[in-house]
Amino acid sequence: MTLAASSWSGVHGSRVLLAVIALAALGTAVVFALSLAAYYRRRETSYLLISLAIGALLVRSAVGFGTVRGDVPMLYHHLVEHTLDFLIAVLVLSAAYIGGARRHDGRG
């Protein structure tokens, strides 16, 4: 076993981590459903972007769950999670920019 693999051995199969991630995923799923309802009501691009960002958070929970279960190698875990972090930031900033531009143009 390599040093990198042994340093993460406490993560694999941890029931506490699985429970925490499951609770986080459940909460995120509820917020995601609420964001979809808000988008359905408003039908505005900024609401869709926020829903996509929250959906990406849900994917992060799935990746974390898979990592603790041993299904997702740590290298892919980091690659996917940090890519999703960037995507979430872009989506939220885009939503803020679009929402702000709409208000300044008198369309909001």
C-alpha atoms as a PDB file:
ATOM      1  CA  MET A   1       0.000   0.000   0.000  1.00  0.00           C
ATOM      2  CA  THR A   2       1.340   3.421  -0.921  1.00  0.00           C
ATOM      3  CA  LEU A   3       1.679   6.321   1.473  1.00  0.00           C
ATOM      4  CA  ALA A   4      -1.180   8.164  -0.278  1.00  0.00           C
ATOM      5  CA  ALA A   5      -3.497   5.172   0.050  1.00  0.00           C
ATOM      6  CA  SER A   6      -2.624   4.544   3.690  1.00  0.00           C
ATOM      7  CA  SER A   7      -3.168   8.184   4.661  1.00  0.00           C
ATOM      8  CA  TRP A   8      -6.796   7.938   3.512  1.00  0.00           C
ATOM      9  CA  SER A   9      -7.479   4.476   4.942  1.00  0.00           C
ATOM     10  CA  GLY A  10      -9.625   5.970   7.759  1.00  0.00           C
ATOM     11  CA  VAL A  11     -12.040   7.434   5.194  1.00  0.00           C
ATOM     12  CA  HIS A  12     -12.935   4.187   3.438  1.00  0.00           C
ATOM     13  CA  GLY A  13     -16.030   2.625   4.938  1.00  0.00           C
ATOM     14  CA  SER A  14     -16.426   5.121   7.784  1.00  0.00           C
ATOM     15  CA  ARG A  15     -20.024   4.824   8.965  1.00  0.00           C
ATOM     16  CA  VAL A  16     -19.881   8.262  10.573  1.00  0.00           C
ATOM     17  CA  LEU A  17     -18.784   9.868   7.300  1.00  0.00           C
ATOM     18  CA  LEU A  18     -21.414   7.917   5.365  1.00  0.00           C
ATOM     19  CA  ALA A  19     -24.107   9.136   7.765  1.00  0.00           C
ATOM     20  CA  VAL A  20     -22.928  12.753   7.585  1.00  0.00           C
ATOM     21  CA  ILE A  21     -22.785  12.662   3.783  1.00  0.00           C
ATOM     22  CA  ALA A  22     -26.218  11.009   3.615  1.00  0.00           C
ATOM     23  CA  LEU A  23     -27.714  13.750   5.812  1.00  0.00           C
ATOM     24  CA  ALA A  24     -25.996  16.445   3.750  1.00  0.00           C
ATOM     25  CA  ALA A  25     -27.289  14.855   0.542  1.00  0.00           C
ATOM     26  CA  LEU A  26     -30.810  14.689   1.933  1.00  0.00           C
ATOM     27  CA  GLY A  27     -30.729  18.358   2.923  1.00  0.00           C
ATOM     28  CA  THR A  28     -29.232  19.329  -0.420  1.00  0.00           C
ATOM     29  CA  ALA A  29     -31.903  17.323  -2.258  1.00  0.00           C
ATOM     30  CA  VAL A  30     -34.617  19.244  -0.405  1.00  0.00           C
ATOM     31  CA  VAL A  31     -32.986  22.590  -1.244  1.00  0.00           C
ATOM     32  CA  PHE A  32     -32.538  21.445  -4.855  1.00  0.00           C
ATOM     33  CA  ALA A  33     -36.256  20.588  -5.091  1.00  0.00           C
ATOM     34  CA  LEU A  34     -37.139  24.007  -3.665  1.00  0.00           C
ATOM     35  CA  SER A  35     -34.827  25.704  -6.170  1.00  0.00           C
ATOM     36  CA  LEU A  36     -36.519  23.843  -9.024  1.00  0.00           C
ATOM     37  CA  ALA A  37     -39.912  24.966  -7.722  1.00  0.00           C
ATOM     38  CA  ALA A  38     -38.657  28.567  -7.621  1.00  0.00           C
ATOM     39  CA  TYR A  39     -37.352  28.261 -11.179  1.00  0.00           C
ATOM     40  CA  TYR A  40     -40.668  26.754 -12.315  1.00  0.00           C
ATOM     41  CA  ARG A  41     -42.513  29.734 -10.820  1.00  0.00           C
ATOM     42  CA  ARG A  42     -40.213  32.434 -12.183  1.00  0.00           C
ATOM     43  CA  ARG A  43     -38.873  30.888 -15.405  1.00  0.00           C
ATOM     44  CA  GLU A  44     -35.825  33.163 -15.292  1.00  0.00           C
ATOM     45  CA  THR A  45     -32.314  32.208 -16.318  1.00  0.00           C
ATOM     46  CA  SER A  46     -30.810  33.298 -13.003  1.00  0.00           C
ATOM     47  CA  TYR A  47     -33.106  30.878 -11.140  1.00  0.00           C
ATOM     48  CA  LEU A  48     -32.112  28.061 -13.485  1.00  0.00           C
ATOM     49  CA  LEU A  49     -28.422  28.780 -12.880  1.00  0.00           C
ATOM     50  CA  ILE A  50     -28.935  28.640  -9.116  1.00  0.00           C
ATOM     51  CA  SER A  51     -30.801  25.332  -9.493  1.00  0.00           C
ATOM     52  CA  LEU A  52     -27.914  23.946 -11.547  1.00  0.00           C
ATOM     53  CA  ALA A  53     -25.427  25.079  -8.886  1.00  0.00           C
ATOM     54  CA  ILE A  54     -27.424  23.334  -6.159  1.00  0.00           C
ATOM     55  CA  GLY A  55     -27.684  20.266  -8.380  1.00  0.00           C
ATOM     56  CA  ALA A  56     -23.893  20.285  -8.633  1.00  0.00           C
ATOM     57  CA  LEU A  57     -23.750  20.298  -4.819  1.00  0.00           C
ATOM     58  CA  LEU A  58     -25.908  17.179  -4.890  1.00  0.00           C
ATOM     59  CA  VAL A  59     -23.458  15.549  -7.297  1.00  0.00           C
ATOM     60  CA  ARG A  60     -20.632  16.460  -4.881  1.00  0.00           C
ATOM     61  CA  SER A  61     -22.450  14.551  -2.141  1.00  0.00           C
ATOM     62  CA  ALA A  62     -22.760  11.518  -4.422  1.00  0.00           C
ATOM     63  CA  VAL A  63     -19.035  11.648  -5.227  1.00  0.00           C
ATOM     64  CA  GLY A  64     -18.187  11.937  -1.522  1.00  0.00           C
ATOM     65  CA  PHE A  65     -20.442   8.988  -0.727  1.00  0.00           C
ATOM     66  CA  GLY A  66     -18.797   6.944  -3.480  1.00  0.00           C
ATOM     67  CA  THR A  67     -15.357   7.846  -2.182  1.00  0.00           C
ATOM     68  CA  VAL A  68     -16.130   6.717   1.362  1.00  0.00           C
ATOM     69  CA  ARG A  69     -17.621   3.488   0.001  1.00  0.00           C
ATOM     70  CA  GLY A  70     -14.451   2.918  -2.025  1.00  0.00           C
ATOM     71  CA  ASP A  71     -16.168   3.210  -5.424  1.00  0.00           C
ATOM     72  CA  VAL A  72     -14.489   6.517  -6.381  1.00  0.00           C
ATOM     73  CA  PRO A  73     -10.681   6.686  -6.119  1.00  0.00           C
ATOM     74  CA  MET A  74      -9.331   9.674  -4.201  1.00  0.00           C
ATOM     75  CA  LEU A  75      -7.664  11.102  -7.339  1.00  0.00           C
ATOM     76  CA  TYR A  76     -11.013  11.235  -9.166  1.00  0.00           C
ATOM     77  CA  HIS A  77     -12.723  12.475  -6.025  1.00  0.00           C
ATOM     78  CA  HIS A  78     -10.461  15.528  -5.934  1.00  0.00           C
ATOM     79  CA  LEU A  79     -10.636  16.098  -9.676  1.00  0.00           C
ATOM     80  CA  VAL A  80     -14.448  15.970  -9.768  1.00  0.00           C
ATOM     81  CA  GLU A  81     -15.021  17.872  -6.519  1.00  0.00           C
ATOM     82  CA  HIS A  82     -12.716  20.776  -7.400  1.00  0.00           C
ATOM     83  CA  THR A  83     -14.142  20.953 -10.914  1.00  0.00           C
ATOM     84  CA  LEU A  84     -17.634  21.103  -9.401  1.00  0.00           C
ATOM     85  CA  ASP A  85     -16.469  23.828  -6.975  1.00  0.00           C
ATOM     86  CA  PHE A  86     -15.396  25.926  -9.965  1.00  0.00           C
ATOM     87  CA  LEU A  87     -18.642  25.187 -11.826  1.00  0.00           C
ATOM     88  CA  ILE A  88     -20.743  26.154  -8.800  1.00  0.00           C
ATOM     89  CA  ALA A  89     -18.866  29.444  -8.439  1.00  0.00           C
ATOM     90  CA  VAL A  90     -19.340  30.241 -12.137  1.00  0.00           C
ATOM     91  CA  LEU A  91     -23.055  29.399 -11.998  1.00  0.00           C
ATOM     92  CA  VAL A  92     -23.707  31.503  -8.884  1.00  0.00           C
ATOM     93  CA  LEU A  93     -21.725  34.480 -10.200  1.00  0.00           C
ATOM     94  CA  SER A  94     -23.494  34.212 -13.553  1.00  0.00           C
ATOM     95  CA  ALA A  95     -26.878  34.163 -11.813  1.00  0.00           C
ATOM     96  CA  ALA A  96     -25.921  37.253  -9.806  1.00  0.00           C
ATOM     97  CA  TYR A  97     -24.671  39.037 -12.916  1.00  0.00           C
ATOM     98  CA  ILE A  98     -27.783  38.213 -14.954  1.00  0.00           C
ATOM     99  CA  GLY A  99     -30.134  39.096 -12.078  1.00  0.00           C
ATOM    100  CA  GLY A 100     -28.322  42.368 -11.426  1.00  0.00           C
ATOM    101  CA  ALA A 101     -28.234  43.339 -15.103  1.00  0.00           C
ATOM    102  CA  ARG A 102     -31.963  42.715 -15.393  1.00  0.00           C
ATOM    103  CA  ARG A 103     -32.706  45.029 -12.461  1.00  0.00           C
ATOM    104  CA  HIS A 104     -30.493  47.827 -13.809  1.00  0.00           C
ATOM    105  CA  ASP A 105     -32.102  47.602 -17.237  1.00  0.00           C
ATOM    106  CA  GLY A 106     -35.554  48.115 -15.722  1.00  0.00           C
ATOM    107  CA  ARG A 107     -36.643  44.617 -16.762  1.00  0.00           C
ATOM    108  CA  GLY A 108     -36.774  43.142 -13.249  1.00  0.00           C
END
